[in-house]
Amino acid sequence: MEIQIVKKEKMPDASVHYKMIVQPRDLIILGYLLESLEGWSYYTTIDKKENIFSVEVIKAFTEKFELFLEDIKRL
């Protein structure tokens, strides 16, 4: 899966906000995978033309989310 992290920002509440570029063919799959991690994060597509995807991960799951991203990049 092709995912490029464009920006990673720690928020005041200690959550982490990611802006990433996700290829259109991977966008739906990533959405399904994030839905399966109920309670970890919320996400949205910011700009469909530019393939920019936004994910906000709560503090309790930031380390696990990093591992999750590394694993799905290998798909």
Protein backbone atom coordinates (compact mmCIF):
# COMPACT_ATOMS: atom_id res chain seq x y z
CA MET A 1 0.00 0.00 0.00
CA GLU A 2 1.40 3.36 -0.98
CA ILE A 3 1.15 5.86 1.87
CA GLN A 4 3.26 8.97 2.16
CA ILE A 5 3.12 10.93 5.43
CA VAL A 6 3.20 14.60 4.51
CA LYS A 7 2.79 16.02 8.01
CA LYS A 8 2.76 14.58 11.52
CA GLU A 9 1.79 16.95 14.33
CA LYS A 10 1.32 16.42 18.05
CA MET A 11 -1.82 18.19 19.19
CA PRO A 12 -2.42 19.97 22.55
CA ASP A 13 -4.43 17.02 23.87
CA ALA A 14 -1.45 14.68 23.07
CA SER A 15 -3.22 13.10 20.11
CA VAL A 16 -1.28 12.93 16.85
CA HIS A 17 -2.58 14.36 13.59
CA TYR A 18 -1.34 12.86 10.32
CA LYS A 19 -1.77 14.24 6.83
CA MET A 20 -0.86 11.68 4.24
CA ILE A 21 -1.10 11.00 0.56
CA VAL A 22 -2.88 7.73 -0.17
CA GLN A 23 -3.28 6.35 -3.67
CA PRO A 24 -6.94 6.15 -4.78
CA ARG A 25 -6.80 2.36 -5.11
CA ASP A 26 -5.70 2.13 -1.45
CA LEU A 27 -8.06 4.74 -0.01
CA ILE A 28 -11.07 2.47 0.50
CA ILE A 29 -8.96 -0.33 1.96
CA LEU A 30 -7.30 2.06 4.40
CA GLY A 31 -10.71 3.36 5.43
CA TYR A 32 -11.94 -0.18 6.16
CA LEU A 33 -8.80 -0.95 8.15
CA LEU A 34 -9.15 2.22 10.22
CA GLU A 35 -12.82 1.42 10.87
CA SER A 36 -11.74 -1.95 12.28
CA LEU A 37 -9.58 -0.13 14.84
CA GLU A 38 -12.65 1.30 16.49
CA GLY A 39 -11.82 3.99 19.03
CA TRP A 40 -8.21 4.52 17.92
CA SER A 41 -8.76 7.39 15.55
CA TYR A 42 -10.97 9.35 13.25
CA TYR A 43 -10.22 10.10 9.63
CA THR A 44 -11.41 12.02 6.62
CA THR A 45 -10.40 12.69 3.05
CA ILE A 46 -9.33 16.33 2.82
CA ASP A 47 -8.80 16.63 -0.91
CA LYS A 48 -9.83 13.82 -3.27
CA LYS A 49 -8.03 15.42 -6.24
CA GLU A 50 -4.72 15.52 -4.34
CA ASN A 51 -5.37 12.20 -2.50
CA ILE A 52 -4.82 13.89 0.88
CA PHE A 53 -6.08 11.86 3.81
CA SER A 54 -6.23 13.09 7.42
CA VAL A 55 -6.08 10.87 10.51
CA GLU A 56 -6.20 11.96 14.15
CA VAL A 57 -5.00 9.24 16.56
CA ILE A 58 -5.77 9.44 20.26
CA LYS A 59 -2.87 9.44 22.72
CA ALA A 60 -3.42 5.89 24.00
CA PHE A 61 -2.89 4.38 20.54
CA THR A 62 -0.18 6.51 18.92
CA GLU A 63 2.60 3.91 19.29
CA LYS A 64 0.39 1.08 18.05
CA PHE A 65 -0.77 3.22 15.14
CA GLU A 66 2.84 3.76 14.03
CA LEU A 67 3.31 -0.02 13.96
CA PHE A 68 0.02 -0.39 12.10
CA LEU A 69 1.18 2.09 9.43
CA GLU A 70 4.47 0.25 8.94
CA ASP A 71 2.62 -3.05 8.55
CA ILE A 72 0.09 -1.81 6.00
CA LYS A 73 2.78 -0.12 3.93
CA ARG A 74 4.05 -3.65 3.23
CA LEU A 75 0.71 -4.76 1.72
